[in-house]
Amino acid sequence: MTKTKPASARRSDALSKERIVQAAIEMLDEGGTEALTFRTLAAHLSTGPGALYHHVGNRDDLLAAAAEAVTASVFEPSPENAESGVRGLMMRVFDVITTRPWVATQLAAAPWQPAVLQLFDRIGTELDARGVPLNAQFDAASVLLYHAIGVASQRDAGMELAATVTDRVAFLESTRTAVTDTGDYPFLARIAPQFTGHDDREQFKAGVDIILAGIDRD
């Protein structure tokens, strides 16, 4: 007679890494990195914390896998951003960094994790399809990758600032006034009027366009 497995064993067998990662993404989207522990994730999946370790080594591995899955999801055009090519890819990366703060934190904290490597690879693939010469692809892809990682780092730092700054316009205006009044920053003083009214997404897009214009010219 075949013995029936205990309920806990059946739940463990039903788990998969994909299911665990998807559940982790849902929790990260809802509560950020502080909300995700193996204990809370196990409760979310109606299993025990020990069962998760059969599929994921530790919390850092889980965060890396979640970031990798989310980053991969932006590789193809979406209804929100149907633009193809490297420009469309970069803008979808910006959107996921800014709408999912935990992704920005993860990319900034571990820059050579699988999510970054696959993004680097995809940027290079798009540049190759664009006709960028092979000997220029590494430098071009690196600059675009650094552009995205820089935004992730700024967003990550900005989340700490957001805890004390409740009015973005007022904060930027105070910054504008500071650089204008001291006389120590002539360039910043000249462009200070742009501080309060600038749009982060449009500024990122302008950076991508500048980089692509340089790539195409060369």
N, C-alpha and C. Protein backbone atom coordinates (compact mmCIF):
# COMPACT_ATOMS: atom_id res chain seq x y z
N MET A 1 0.84 -1.18 0.00
CA MET A 1 0.00 0.00 0.00
C MET A 1 0.89 1.25 0.00
N THR A 2 0.56 2.22 -0.86
CA THR A 2 1.32 3.45 -0.94
C THR A 2 0.96 4.36 0.22
N LYS A 3 2.00 4.81 0.89
CA LYS A 3 1.76 5.71 2.01
C LYS A 3 1.48 7.11 1.51
N THR A 4 0.56 7.76 2.16
CA THR A 4 0.23 9.15 1.82
C THR A 4 1.23 10.08 2.50
N LYS A 5 1.76 11.01 1.72
CA LYS A 5 2.72 11.97 2.29
C LYS A 5 2.01 12.91 3.24
N PRO A 6 2.69 13.32 4.29
CA PRO A 6 2.12 14.35 5.17
C PRO A 6 1.83 15.61 4.39
N ALA A 7 0.88 16.42 4.90
CA ALA A 7 0.48 17.65 4.20
C ALA A 7 1.67 18.56 3.98
N SER A 8 2.57 18.68 4.98
CA SER A 8 3.71 19.58 4.84
C SER A 8 4.62 19.15 3.71
N ALA A 9 4.79 17.82 3.53
CA ALA A 9 5.63 17.32 2.45
C ALA A 9 5.00 17.61 1.11
N ARG A 10 3.67 17.45 1.02
CA ARG A 10 2.97 17.73 -0.24
C ARG A 10 3.11 19.19 -0.60
N ARG A 11 3.01 20.11 0.37
CA ARG A 11 3.17 21.53 0.09
C ARG A 11 4.59 21.83 -0.41
N SER A 12 5.60 21.17 0.22
CA SER A 12 6.98 21.39 -0.21
C SER A 12 7.18 20.91 -1.64
N ASP A 13 6.61 19.73 -1.97
CA ASP A 13 6.76 19.21 -3.33
C ASP A 13 6.12 20.12 -4.35
N ALA A 14 5.05 20.81 -3.96
CA ALA A 14 4.32 21.66 -4.90
C ALA A 14 5.07 22.95 -5.19
N LEU A 15 6.03 23.27 -4.35
CA LEU A 15 6.78 24.50 -4.56
C LEU A 15 7.74 24.36 -5.74
N SER A 16 8.03 25.48 -6.34
CA SER A 16 9.07 25.56 -7.37
C SER A 16 9.78 26.89 -7.19
N LYS A 17 10.96 27.00 -7.75
CA LYS A 17 11.68 28.27 -7.63
C LYS A 17 10.89 29.39 -8.28
N GLU A 18 10.27 29.09 -9.43
CA GLU A 18 9.49 30.12 -10.14
C GLU A 18 8.34 30.62 -9.27
N ARG A 19 7.66 29.69 -8.60
CA ARG A 19 6.53 30.09 -7.75
C ARG A 19 7.02 30.92 -6.56
N ILE A 20 8.14 30.52 -5.97
CA ILE A 20 8.69 31.25 -4.84
C ILE A 20 9.09 32.66 -5.25
N VAL A 21 9.78 32.76 -6.39
CA VAL A 21 10.24 34.06 -6.86
C VAL A 21 9.06 34.97 -7.17
N GLN A 22 8.02 34.43 -7.80
CA GLN A 22 6.85 35.25 -8.12
C GLN A 22 6.17 35.75 -6.85
N ALA A 23 6.08 34.90 -5.85
CA ALA A 23 5.49 35.32 -4.58
C ALA A 23 6.35 36.41 -3.92
N ALA A 24 7.66 36.24 -4.02
CA ALA A 24 8.56 37.25 -3.46
C ALA A 24 8.38 38.59 -4.16
N ILE A 25 8.23 38.56 -5.48
CA ILE A 25 8.02 39.80 -6.24
C ILE A 25 6.74 40.49 -5.78
N GLU A 26 5.69 39.74 -5.57
CA GLU A 26 4.42 40.31 -5.11
C GLU A 26 4.60 40.99 -3.75
N MET A 27 5.34 40.35 -2.86
CA MET A 27 5.56 40.93 -1.54
C MET A 27 6.47 42.16 -1.62
N LEU A 28 7.47 42.11 -2.48
CA LEU A 28 8.37 43.25 -2.64
C LEU A 28 7.64 44.45 -3.24
N ASP A 29 6.77 44.19 -4.20
CA ASP A 29 5.99 45.26 -4.80
C ASP A 29 5.06 45.91 -3.78
N GLU A 30 4.56 45.09 -2.87
CA GLU A 30 3.59 45.61 -1.90
C GLU A 30 4.27 46.30 -0.71
N GLY A 31 5.37 45.72 -0.22
CA GLY A 31 5.94 46.24 1.01
C GLY A 31 7.41 46.58 0.98
N GLY A 32 8.08 46.40 -0.17
CA GLY A 32 9.50 46.70 -0.26
C GLY A 32 10.36 45.61 0.36
N THR A 33 11.67 45.84 0.36
CA THR A 33 12.59 44.80 0.82
C THR A 33 12.41 44.47 2.30
N GLU A 34 11.99 45.45 3.09
CA GLU A 34 11.82 45.18 4.53
C GLU A 34 10.71 44.17 4.79
N ALA A 35 9.78 44.05 3.86
CA ALA A 35 8.65 43.15 4.06
C ALA A 35 8.99 41.70 3.75
N LEU A 36 10.11 41.48 3.09
CA LEU A 36 10.43 40.13 2.62
C LEU A 36 11.42 39.44 3.54
N THR A 37 10.94 38.42 4.23
CA THR A 37 11.80 37.50 4.96
C THR A 37 11.35 36.08 4.59
N PHE A 38 12.18 35.10 4.86
CA PHE A 38 11.78 33.72 4.56
C PHE A 38 10.57 33.32 5.39
N ARG A 39 10.46 33.88 6.59
CA ARG A 39 9.31 33.53 7.44
C ARG A 39 8.02 34.10 6.85
N THR A 40 8.04 35.39 6.45
CA THR A 40 6.82 35.98 5.90
C THR A 40 6.49 35.37 4.54
N LEU A 41 7.52 35.05 3.76
CA LEU A 41 7.28 34.43 2.46
C LEU A 41 6.70 33.03 2.63
N ALA A 42 7.21 32.29 3.60
CA ALA A 42 6.69 30.95 3.86
C ALA A 42 5.22 31.01 4.27
N ALA A 43 4.88 31.98 5.10
CA ALA A 43 3.48 32.14 5.50
C ALA A 43 2.62 32.49 4.30
N HIS A 44 3.15 33.35 3.43
CA HIS A 44 2.43 33.74 2.21
C HIS A 44 2.14 32.53 1.33
N LEU A 45 3.08 31.58 1.32
CA LEU A 45 2.94 30.39 0.47
C LEU A 45 2.34 29.20 1.23
N SER A 46 1.96 29.43 2.48
CA SER A 46 1.35 28.37 3.30
C SER A 46 2.28 27.16 3.42
N THR A 47 3.53 27.42 3.73
CA THR A 47 4.49 26.34 3.93
C THR A 47 5.42 26.74 5.07
N GLY A 48 6.46 25.97 5.28
CA GLY A 48 7.43 26.29 6.31
C GLY A 48 8.68 26.91 5.71
N PRO A 49 9.39 27.74 6.48
CA PRO A 49 10.61 28.36 5.95
C PRO A 49 11.63 27.36 5.42
N GLY A 50 11.70 26.19 6.07
CA GLY A 50 12.67 25.18 5.64
C GLY A 50 12.43 24.70 4.22
N ALA A 51 11.16 24.68 3.80
CA ALA A 51 10.84 24.20 2.46
C ALA A 51 11.40 25.12 1.38
N LEU A 52 11.53 26.40 1.70
CA LEU A 52 12.04 27.35 0.71
C LEU A 52 13.50 27.11 0.39
N TYR A 53 14.24 26.60 1.38
CA TYR A 53 15.68 26.43 1.19
C TYR A 53 16.01 25.29 0.23
N HIS A 54 15.01 24.48 -0.12
CA HIS A 54 15.24 23.46 -1.15
C HIS A 54 15.40 24.09 -2.53
N HIS A 55 14.90 25.34 -2.68
CA HIS A 55 14.89 25.99 -3.99
C HIS A 55 15.72 27.26 -4.04
N VAL A 56 15.87 27.95 -2.90
CA VAL A 56 16.60 29.22 -2.85
C VAL A 56 17.57 29.18 -1.68
N GLY A 57 18.84 29.51 -1.94
CA GLY A 57 19.86 29.37 -0.92
C GLY A 57 19.69 30.29 0.27
N ASN A 58 19.40 31.56 0.00
CA ASN A 58 19.26 32.53 1.08
C ASN A 58 18.50 33.75 0.56
N ARG A 59 18.31 34.73 1.43
CA ARG A 59 17.52 35.91 1.06
C ARG A 59 18.18 36.71 -0.06
N ASP A 60 19.51 36.81 -0.02
CA ASP A 60 20.19 37.55 -1.09
C ASP A 60 19.97 36.88 -2.45
N ASP A 61 20.04 35.56 -2.46
CA ASP A 61 19.78 34.83 -3.72
C ASP A 61 18.35 35.07 -4.19
N LEU A 62 17.42 35.13 -3.25
CA LEU A 62 16.03 35.35 -3.60
C LEU A 62 15.82 36.75 -4.18
N LEU A 63 16.43 37.76 -3.56
CA LEU A 63 16.32 39.12 -4.08
C LEU A 63 16.94 39.22 -5.47
N ALA A 64 18.07 38.56 -5.66
CA ALA A 64 18.71 38.58 -6.98
C ALA A 64 17.83 37.91 -8.03
N ALA A 65 17.21 36.79 -7.67
CA ALA A 65 16.33 36.10 -8.62
C ALA A 65 15.09 36.93 -8.94
N ALA A 66 14.56 37.62 -7.94
CA ALA A 66 13.39 38.48 -8.17
C ALA A 66 13.74 39.63 -9.09
N ALA A 67 14.89 40.27 -8.86
CA ALA A 67 15.33 41.36 -9.73
C ALA A 67 15.59 40.87 -11.15
N GLU A 68 16.16 39.69 -11.27
CA GLU A 68 16.42 39.12 -12.59
C GLU A 68 15.11 38.89 -13.35
N ALA A 69 14.11 38.35 -12.66
CA ALA A 69 12.83 38.08 -13.31
C ALA A 69 12.14 39.36 -13.76
N VAL A 70 12.16 40.38 -12.91
CA VAL A 70 11.52 41.65 -13.26
C VAL A 70 12.26 42.34 -14.39
N THR A 71 13.59 42.33 -14.34
CA THR A 71 14.38 42.96 -15.40
C THR A 71 14.12 42.29 -16.74
N ALA A 72 14.05 40.97 -16.74
CA ALA A 72 13.79 40.24 -17.99
C ALA A 72 12.43 40.61 -18.58
N SER A 73 11.50 40.98 -17.72
CA SER A 73 10.14 41.29 -18.20
C SER A 73 10.09 42.56 -19.02
N VAL A 74 11.12 43.41 -18.96
CA VAL A 74 11.09 44.66 -19.72
C VAL A 74 11.83 44.55 -21.05
N PHE A 75 12.32 43.37 -21.37
CA PHE A 75 13.11 43.23 -22.59
C PHE A 75 12.27 43.34 -23.86
N GLU A 76 11.00 43.01 -23.78
CA GLU A 76 10.14 43.09 -24.95
C GLU A 76 9.19 44.29 -24.81
N PRO A 77 8.80 44.90 -25.95
CA PRO A 77 7.85 46.02 -25.90
C PRO A 77 6.58 45.66 -25.14
N SER A 78 6.01 46.65 -24.48
CA SER A 78 4.79 46.45 -23.69
C SER A 78 3.72 47.40 -24.19
N PRO A 79 2.47 47.20 -23.78
CA PRO A 79 1.40 48.15 -24.18
C PRO A 79 1.71 49.57 -23.74
N GLU A 80 2.40 49.72 -22.59
CA GLU A 80 2.73 51.05 -22.10
C GLU A 80 3.89 51.68 -22.87
N ASN A 81 4.79 50.85 -23.36
CA ASN A 81 5.96 51.35 -24.11
C ASN A 81 6.25 50.35 -25.22
N ALA A 82 5.67 50.61 -26.37
CA ALA A 82 5.78 49.69 -27.50
C ALA A 82 7.01 49.96 -28.36
N GLU A 83 7.81 50.96 -27.99
CA GLU A 83 8.97 51.29 -28.80
C GLU A 83 9.99 50.15 -28.76
N SER A 84 10.50 49.78 -29.91
CA SER A 84 11.48 48.70 -29.98
C SER A 84 12.89 49.28 -29.94
N GLY A 85 13.88 48.41 -29.99
CA GLY A 85 15.26 48.85 -30.04
C GLY A 85 15.80 49.26 -28.68
N VAL A 86 17.03 49.76 -28.70
CA VAL A 86 17.71 50.06 -27.45
C VAL A 86 17.06 51.22 -26.71
N ARG A 87 16.53 52.20 -27.44
CA ARG A 87 15.89 53.34 -26.77
C ARG A 87 14.65 52.89 -26.00
N GLY A 88 13.82 52.08 -26.64
CA GLY A 88 12.64 51.57 -25.95
C GLY A 88 13.01 50.72 -24.75
N LEU A 89 14.05 49.90 -24.89
CA LEU A 89 14.54 49.08 -23.78
C LEU A 89 14.95 49.94 -22.61
N MET A 90 15.74 50.98 -22.88
CA MET A 90 16.22 51.84 -21.81
C MET A 90 15.08 52.54 -21.08
N MET A 91 14.07 52.95 -21.81
CA MET A 91 12.95 53.64 -21.17
C MET A 91 12.12 52.67 -20.33
N ARG A 92 12.01 51.43 -20.76
CA ARG A 92 11.29 50.45 -19.94
C ARG A 92 12.09 50.13 -18.68
N VAL A 93 13.41 50.12 -18.79
CA VAL A 93 14.25 49.93 -17.60
C VAL A 93 14.03 51.08 -16.63
N PHE A 94 14.01 52.30 -17.13
CA PHE A 94 13.77 53.46 -16.27
C PHE A 94 12.43 53.32 -15.56
N ASP A 95 11.41 52.93 -16.30
CA ASP A 95 10.07 52.82 -15.72
C ASP A 95 10.02 51.78 -14.60
N VAL A 96 10.69 50.64 -14.79
CA VAL A 96 10.65 49.62 -13.75
C VAL A 96 11.46 50.04 -12.53
N ILE A 97 12.55 50.79 -12.74
CA ILE A 97 13.36 51.29 -11.62
C ILE A 97 12.56 52.29 -10.79
N THR A 98 11.78 53.12 -11.45
CA THR A 98 11.08 54.19 -10.75
C THR A 98 9.73 53.75 -10.18
N THR A 99 9.14 52.70 -10.73
CA THR A 99 7.85 52.24 -10.21
C THR A 99 8.00 51.09 -9.22
N ARG A 100 9.17 50.46 -9.21
CA ARG A 100 9.44 49.37 -8.26
C ARG A 100 10.72 49.72 -7.51
N PRO A 101 10.62 50.51 -6.44
CA PRO A 101 11.81 50.99 -5.74
C PRO A 101 12.75 49.89 -5.29
N TRP A 102 12.23 48.73 -4.96
CA TRP A 102 13.10 47.64 -4.50
C TRP A 102 14.04 47.18 -5.61
N VAL A 103 13.63 47.31 -6.86
CA VAL A 103 14.51 46.95 -7.97
C VAL A 103 15.69 47.92 -8.02
N ALA A 104 15.41 49.21 -7.84
CA ALA A 104 16.49 50.20 -7.80
C ALA A 104 17.46 49.88 -6.68
N THR A 105 16.94 49.55 -5.51
CA THR A 105 17.80 49.20 -4.38
C THR A 105 18.67 48.00 -4.70
N GLN A 106 18.07 46.99 -5.31
CA GLN A 106 18.81 45.77 -5.62
C GLN A 106 19.89 46.01 -6.66
N LEU A 107 19.57 46.72 -7.72
CA LEU A 107 20.56 46.99 -8.77
C LEU A 107 21.70 47.84 -8.25
N ALA A 108 21.38 48.80 -7.38
CA ALA A 108 22.42 49.67 -6.82
C ALA A 108 23.30 48.92 -5.84
N ALA A 109 22.74 47.96 -5.12
CA ALA A 109 23.48 47.26 -4.08
C ALA A 109 24.39 46.17 -4.63
N ALA A 110 23.99 45.54 -5.72
CA ALA A 110 24.76 44.42 -6.26
C ALA A 110 24.87 44.57 -7.78
N PRO A 111 25.78 45.45 -8.23
CA PRO A 111 25.81 45.81 -9.65
C PRO A 111 26.21 44.70 -10.61
N TRP A 112 26.80 43.60 -10.14
CA TRP A 112 27.17 42.54 -11.08
C TRP A 112 26.37 41.26 -10.85
N GLN A 113 25.17 41.42 -10.37
CA GLN A 113 24.28 40.29 -10.21
C GLN A 113 23.69 39.89 -11.56
N PRO A 114 23.00 38.74 -11.65
CA PRO A 114 22.45 38.29 -12.93
C PRO A 114 21.55 39.30 -13.62
N ALA A 115 20.76 40.08 -12.87
CA ALA A 115 19.87 41.06 -13.49
C ALA A 115 20.66 42.08 -14.29
N VAL A 116 21.80 42.51 -13.74
CA VAL A 116 22.63 43.50 -14.43
C VAL A 116 23.33 42.87 -15.62
N LEU A 117 23.81 41.65 -15.45
CA LEU A 117 24.49 40.97 -16.54
C LEU A 117 23.56 40.73 -17.72
N GLN A 118 22.32 40.33 -17.43
CA GLN A 118 21.40 40.10 -18.53
C GLN A 118 20.98 41.41 -19.19
N LEU A 119 20.91 42.49 -18.41
CA LEU A 119 20.61 43.79 -18.99
C LEU A 119 21.76 44.25 -19.88
N PHE A 120 22.98 44.09 -19.40
CA PHE A 120 24.18 44.42 -20.19
C PHE A 120 24.17 43.65 -21.51
N ASP A 121 23.86 42.36 -21.41
CA ASP A 121 23.82 41.51 -22.60
C ASP A 121 22.75 41.98 -23.57
N ARG A 122 21.58 42.33 -23.04
CA ARG A 122 20.47 42.73 -23.92
C ARG A 122 20.77 44.08 -24.58
N ILE A 123 21.37 45.01 -23.84
CA ILE A 123 21.74 46.28 -24.45
C ILE A 123 22.71 46.04 -25.60
N GLY A 124 23.71 45.19 -25.37
CA GLY A 124 24.66 44.86 -26.42
C GLY A 124 24.00 44.23 -27.63
N THR A 125 23.03 43.37 -27.39
CA THR A 125 22.29 42.73 -28.48
C THR A 125 21.54 43.76 -29.31
N GLU A 126 20.91 44.72 -28.63
CA GLU A 126 20.18 45.77 -29.34
C GLU A 126 21.13 46.68 -30.12
N LEU A 127 22.29 46.94 -29.56
CA LEU A 127 23.26 47.76 -30.27
C LEU A 127 23.78 47.04 -31.51
N ASP A 128 23.97 45.75 -31.40
CA ASP A 128 24.40 44.96 -32.56
C ASP A 128 23.35 45.02 -33.66
N ALA A 129 22.07 44.89 -33.26
CA ALA A 129 20.98 44.98 -34.24
C ALA A 129 20.89 46.38 -34.84
N ARG A 130 21.34 47.37 -34.10
CA ARG A 130 21.33 48.75 -34.59
C ARG A 130 22.44 49.00 -35.62
N GLY A 131 23.38 48.07 -35.69
CA GLY A 131 24.47 48.21 -36.65
C GLY A 131 25.73 48.82 -36.07
N VAL A 132 25.81 48.88 -34.73
CA VAL A 132 27.01 49.42 -34.10
C VAL A 132 28.17 48.44 -34.34
N PRO A 133 29.31 48.92 -34.80
CA PRO A 133 30.45 48.03 -35.06
C PRO A 133 30.85 47.24 -33.82
N LEU A 134 31.30 46.03 -34.01
CA LEU A 134 31.65 45.16 -32.90
C LEU A 134 32.67 45.78 -31.98
N ASN A 135 33.65 46.47 -32.52
CA ASN A 135 34.71 47.04 -31.68
C ASN A 135 34.24 48.23 -30.85
N ALA A 136 33.04 48.71 -31.11
CA ALA A 136 32.49 49.83 -30.35
C ALA A 136 31.37 49.39 -29.41
N GLN A 137 30.94 48.15 -29.51
CA GLN A 137 29.76 47.71 -28.76
C GLN A 137 30.01 47.68 -27.25
N PHE A 138 31.18 47.25 -26.82
CA PHE A 138 31.45 47.16 -25.38
C PHE A 138 31.37 48.54 -24.73
N ASP A 139 32.06 49.52 -25.31
CA ASP A 139 32.04 50.86 -24.74
C ASP A 139 30.63 51.46 -24.76
N ALA A 140 29.94 51.29 -25.88
CA ALA A 140 28.60 51.86 -26.02
C ALA A 140 27.62 51.22 -25.03
N ALA A 141 27.67 49.90 -24.93
CA ALA A 141 26.78 49.20 -23.99
C ALA A 141 27.10 49.58 -22.55
N SER A 142 28.39 49.76 -22.25
CA SER A 142 28.79 50.12 -20.88
C SER A 142 28.22 51.47 -20.49
N VAL A 143 28.31 52.45 -21.40
CA VAL A 143 27.81 53.79 -21.08
C VAL A 143 26.31 53.75 -20.83
N LEU A 144 25.56 53.02 -21.66
CA LEU A 144 24.12 52.92 -21.46
C LEU A 144 23.79 52.19 -20.16
N LEU A 145 24.54 51.15 -19.86
CA LEU A 145 24.32 50.43 -18.60
C LEU A 145 24.59 51.34 -17.41
N TYR A 146 25.68 52.09 -17.45
CA TYR A 146 26.00 53.00 -16.35
C TYR A 146 24.92 54.08 -16.20
N HIS A 147 24.34 54.48 -17.31
CA HIS A 147 23.25 55.46 -17.26
C HIS A 147 22.08 54.90 -16.44
N ALA A 148 21.74 53.64 -16.70
CA ALA A 148 20.64 53.01 -15.97
C ALA A 148 20.99 52.75 -14.51
N ILE A 149 22.20 52.24 -14.26
CA ILE A 149 22.61 51.95 -12.89
C ILE A 149 22.73 53.24 -12.08
N GLY A 150 23.16 54.32 -12.74
CA GLY A 150 23.23 55.61 -12.05
C GLY A 150 21.87 56.07 -11.58
N VAL A 151 20.86 55.89 -12.42
CA VAL A 151 19.51 56.25 -12.02
C VAL A 151 19.04 55.36 -10.87
N ALA A 152 19.37 54.07 -10.93
CA ALA A 152 18.99 53.16 -9.85
C ALA A 152 19.62 53.62 -8.54
N SER A 153 20.89 54.01 -8.58
CA SER A 153 21.59 54.47 -7.37
C SER A 153 20.97 55.75 -6.83
N GLN A 154 20.64 56.68 -7.74
CA GLN A 154 20.01 57.93 -7.31
C GLN A 154 18.64 57.67 -6.71
N ARG A 155 17.89 56.77 -7.32
CA ARG A 155 16.57 56.44 -6.79
C ARG A 155 16.68 55.79 -5.41
N ASP A 156 17.67 54.92 -5.27
CA ASP A 156 17.87 54.26 -3.98
C ASP A 156 18.21 55.29 -2.91
N ALA A 157 19.12 56.22 -3.24
CA ALA A 157 19.46 57.27 -2.29
C ALA A 157 18.28 58.18 -2.03
N GLY A 158 17.51 58.44 -3.07
CA GLY A 158 16.35 59.32 -2.95
C GLY A 158 15.28 58.78 -2.03
N MET A 159 15.21 57.45 -1.89
CA MET A 159 14.21 56.87 -1.00
C MET A 159 14.48 57.24 0.45
N GLU A 160 15.75 57.34 0.80
CA GLU A 160 16.09 57.78 2.16
C GLU A 160 15.75 59.25 2.33
N LEU A 161 16.02 60.04 1.30
CA LEU A 161 15.71 61.46 1.36
C LEU A 161 14.20 61.69 1.45
N ALA A 162 13.44 60.82 0.79
CA ALA A 162 11.98 60.97 0.77
C ALA A 162 11.36 60.86 2.17
N ALA A 163 12.10 60.23 3.07
CA ALA A 163 11.59 60.10 4.44
C ALA A 163 11.53 61.44 5.15
N THR A 164 12.35 62.39 4.69
CA THR A 164 12.38 63.70 5.33
C THR A 164 11.87 64.82 4.43
N VAL A 165 11.82 64.56 3.13
CA VAL A 165 11.36 65.57 2.17
C VAL A 165 9.97 65.18 1.67
N THR A 166 9.00 65.97 2.02
CA THR A 166 7.62 65.67 1.61
C THR A 166 7.17 66.50 0.42
N ASP A 167 7.89 67.57 0.13
CA ASP A 167 7.52 68.46 -0.97
C ASP A 167 8.70 68.58 -1.93
N ARG A 168 8.64 67.83 -3.03
CA ARG A 168 9.75 67.81 -3.99
C ARG A 168 10.02 69.20 -4.56
N VAL A 169 8.96 69.91 -4.94
CA VAL A 169 9.14 71.23 -5.55
C VAL A 169 9.82 72.18 -4.58
N ALA A 170 9.38 72.17 -3.33
CA ALA A 170 9.98 73.06 -2.33
C ALA A 170 11.44 72.71 -2.09
N PHE A 171 11.74 71.41 -2.06
CA PHE A 171 13.13 70.99 -1.86
C PHE A 171 14.01 71.43 -3.03
N LEU A 172 13.53 71.23 -4.25
CA LEU A 172 14.32 71.63 -5.41
C LEU A 172 14.48 73.15 -5.48
N GLU A 173 13.44 73.86 -5.07
CA GLU A 173 13.52 75.31 -5.05
C GLU A 173 14.57 75.79 -4.04
N SER A 174 14.62 75.12 -2.89
CA SER A 174 15.62 75.50 -1.89
C SER A 174 17.03 75.20 -2.40
N THR A 175 17.15 74.11 -3.16
CA THR A 175 18.45 73.79 -3.76
C THR A 175 18.84 74.83 -4.80
N ARG A 176 17.87 75.23 -5.60
CA ARG A 176 18.12 76.25 -6.62
C ARG A 176 18.59 77.55 -5.97
N THR A 177 17.91 77.94 -4.92
CA THR A 177 18.26 79.17 -4.23
C THR A 177 19.66 79.09 -3.64
N ALA A 178 20.00 77.92 -3.09
CA ALA A 178 21.31 77.76 -2.45
C ALA A 178 22.44 77.91 -3.46
N VAL A 179 22.31 77.27 -4.61
CA VAL A 179 23.42 77.34 -5.59
C VAL A 179 23.47 78.71 -6.26
N THR A 180 22.34 79.40 -6.30
CA THR A 180 22.33 80.73 -6.92
C THR A 180 22.93 81.79 -6.00
N ASP A 181 22.61 81.71 -4.72
CA ASP A 181 23.00 82.76 -3.78
C ASP A 181 24.47 82.72 -3.39
N THR A 182 25.07 81.55 -3.38
CA THR A 182 26.45 81.46 -2.90
C THR A 182 27.45 82.02 -3.91
N GLY A 183 27.16 81.87 -5.19
CA GLY A 183 28.11 82.30 -6.21
C GLY A 183 29.25 81.33 -6.42
N ASP A 184 29.21 80.19 -5.74
CA ASP A 184 30.30 79.20 -5.84
C ASP A 184 30.12 78.23 -6.99
N TYR A 185 28.94 78.19 -7.57
CA TYR A 185 28.65 77.20 -8.60
C TYR A 185 28.09 77.89 -9.84
N PRO A 186 28.94 78.48 -10.66
CA PRO A 186 28.46 79.28 -11.79
C PRO A 186 27.61 78.51 -12.79
N PHE A 187 28.02 77.30 -13.11
CA PHE A 187 27.21 76.51 -14.05
C PHE A 187 25.85 76.19 -13.45
N LEU A 188 25.85 75.71 -12.22
CA LEU A 188 24.59 75.36 -11.56
C LEU A 188 23.69 76.58 -11.43
N ALA A 189 24.29 77.73 -11.21
CA ALA A 189 23.50 78.96 -11.11
C ALA A 189 22.83 79.27 -12.45
N ARG A 190 23.55 79.02 -13.56
CA ARG A 190 22.99 79.30 -14.88
C ARG A 190 21.81 78.40 -15.21
N ILE A 191 21.90 77.15 -14.78
CA ILE A 191 20.82 76.22 -15.14
C ILE A 191 19.82 76.02 -13.99
N ALA A 192 19.99 76.80 -12.92
CA ALA A 192 19.12 76.67 -11.75
C ALA A 192 17.64 76.76 -12.06
N PRO A 193 17.18 77.62 -13.00
CA PRO A 193 15.75 77.68 -13.28
C PRO A 193 15.15 76.36 -13.74
N GLN A 194 15.99 75.46 -14.22
CA GLN A 194 15.49 74.16 -14.69
C GLN A 194 15.27 73.17 -13.54
N PHE A 195 15.79 73.49 -12.37
CA PHE A 195 15.72 72.56 -11.26
C PHE A 195 14.29 72.14 -10.93
N THR A 196 13.47 73.12 -10.63
CA THR A 196 12.15 72.81 -10.07
C THR A 196 11.20 72.22 -11.10
N GLY A 197 11.41 72.53 -12.36
CA GLY A 197 10.45 72.08 -13.36
C GLY A 197 10.85 70.86 -14.15
N HIS A 198 12.03 70.30 -13.88
CA HIS A 198 12.49 69.20 -14.73
C HIS A 198 11.73 67.91 -14.44
N ASP A 199 11.61 67.10 -15.49
CA ASP A 199 10.94 65.80 -15.40
C ASP A 199 12.02 64.72 -15.46
N ASP A 200 12.07 63.85 -14.45
CA ASP A 200 13.14 62.86 -14.38
C ASP A 200 13.15 61.92 -15.59
N ARG A 201 11.96 61.52 -16.02
CA ARG A 201 11.90 60.59 -17.15
C ARG A 201 12.38 61.25 -18.43
N GLU A 202 11.97 62.49 -18.65
CA GLU A 202 12.40 63.21 -19.84
C GLU A 202 13.91 63.46 -19.81
N GLN A 203 14.44 63.71 -18.62
CA GLN A 203 15.87 63.93 -18.49
C GLN A 203 16.64 62.65 -18.79
N PHE A 204 16.13 61.53 -18.30
CA PHE A 204 16.76 60.23 -18.59
C PHE A 204 16.72 59.95 -20.09
N LYS A 205 15.56 60.23 -20.70
CA LYS A 205 15.41 60.02 -22.14
C LYS A 205 16.39 60.89 -22.92
N ALA A 206 16.56 62.13 -22.48
CA ALA A 206 17.52 63.02 -23.14
C ALA A 206 18.93 62.44 -23.06
N GLY A 207 19.26 61.85 -21.91
CA GLY A 207 20.57 61.23 -21.77
C GLY A 207 20.75 60.07 -22.73
N VAL A 208 19.73 59.23 -22.84
CA VAL A 208 19.79 58.11 -23.79
C VAL A 208 19.98 58.63 -25.21
N ASP A 209 19.23 59.67 -25.57
CA ASP A 209 19.33 60.22 -26.93
C ASP A 209 20.72 60.81 -27.20
N ILE A 210 21.31 61.46 -26.21
CA ILE A 210 22.66 61.99 -26.37
C ILE A 210 23.66 60.85 -26.59
N ILE A 211 23.53 59.81 -25.82
CA ILE A 211 24.43 58.66 -25.97
C ILE A 211 24.26 58.01 -27.34
N LEU A 212 23.01 57.80 -27.75
CA LEU A 212 22.76 57.15 -29.04
C LEU A 212 23.23 58.03 -30.20
N ALA A 213 23.07 59.35 -30.06
CA ALA A 213 23.55 60.25 -31.12
C ALA A 213 25.06 60.14 -31.26
N GLY A 214 25.76 60.05 -30.14
CA GLY A 214 27.21 59.89 -30.19
C GLY A 214 27.61 58.55 -30.79
N ILE A 215 26.87 57.50 -30.44
CA ILE A 215 27.16 56.17 -30.98
C ILE A 215 26.96 56.16 -32.49
N ASP A 216 25.84 56.73 -32.94
CA ASP A 216 25.54 56.74 -34.38
C ASP A 216 26.54 57.57 -35.16
N ARG A 217 26.99 58.66 -34.57
CA ARG A 217 27.93 59.54 -35.25
C ARG A 217 29.27 58.85 -35.45
N ASP A 218 29.69 58.08 -34.45
CA ASP A 218 30.96 57.38 -34.55
C ASP A 218 30.86 56.17 -35.49
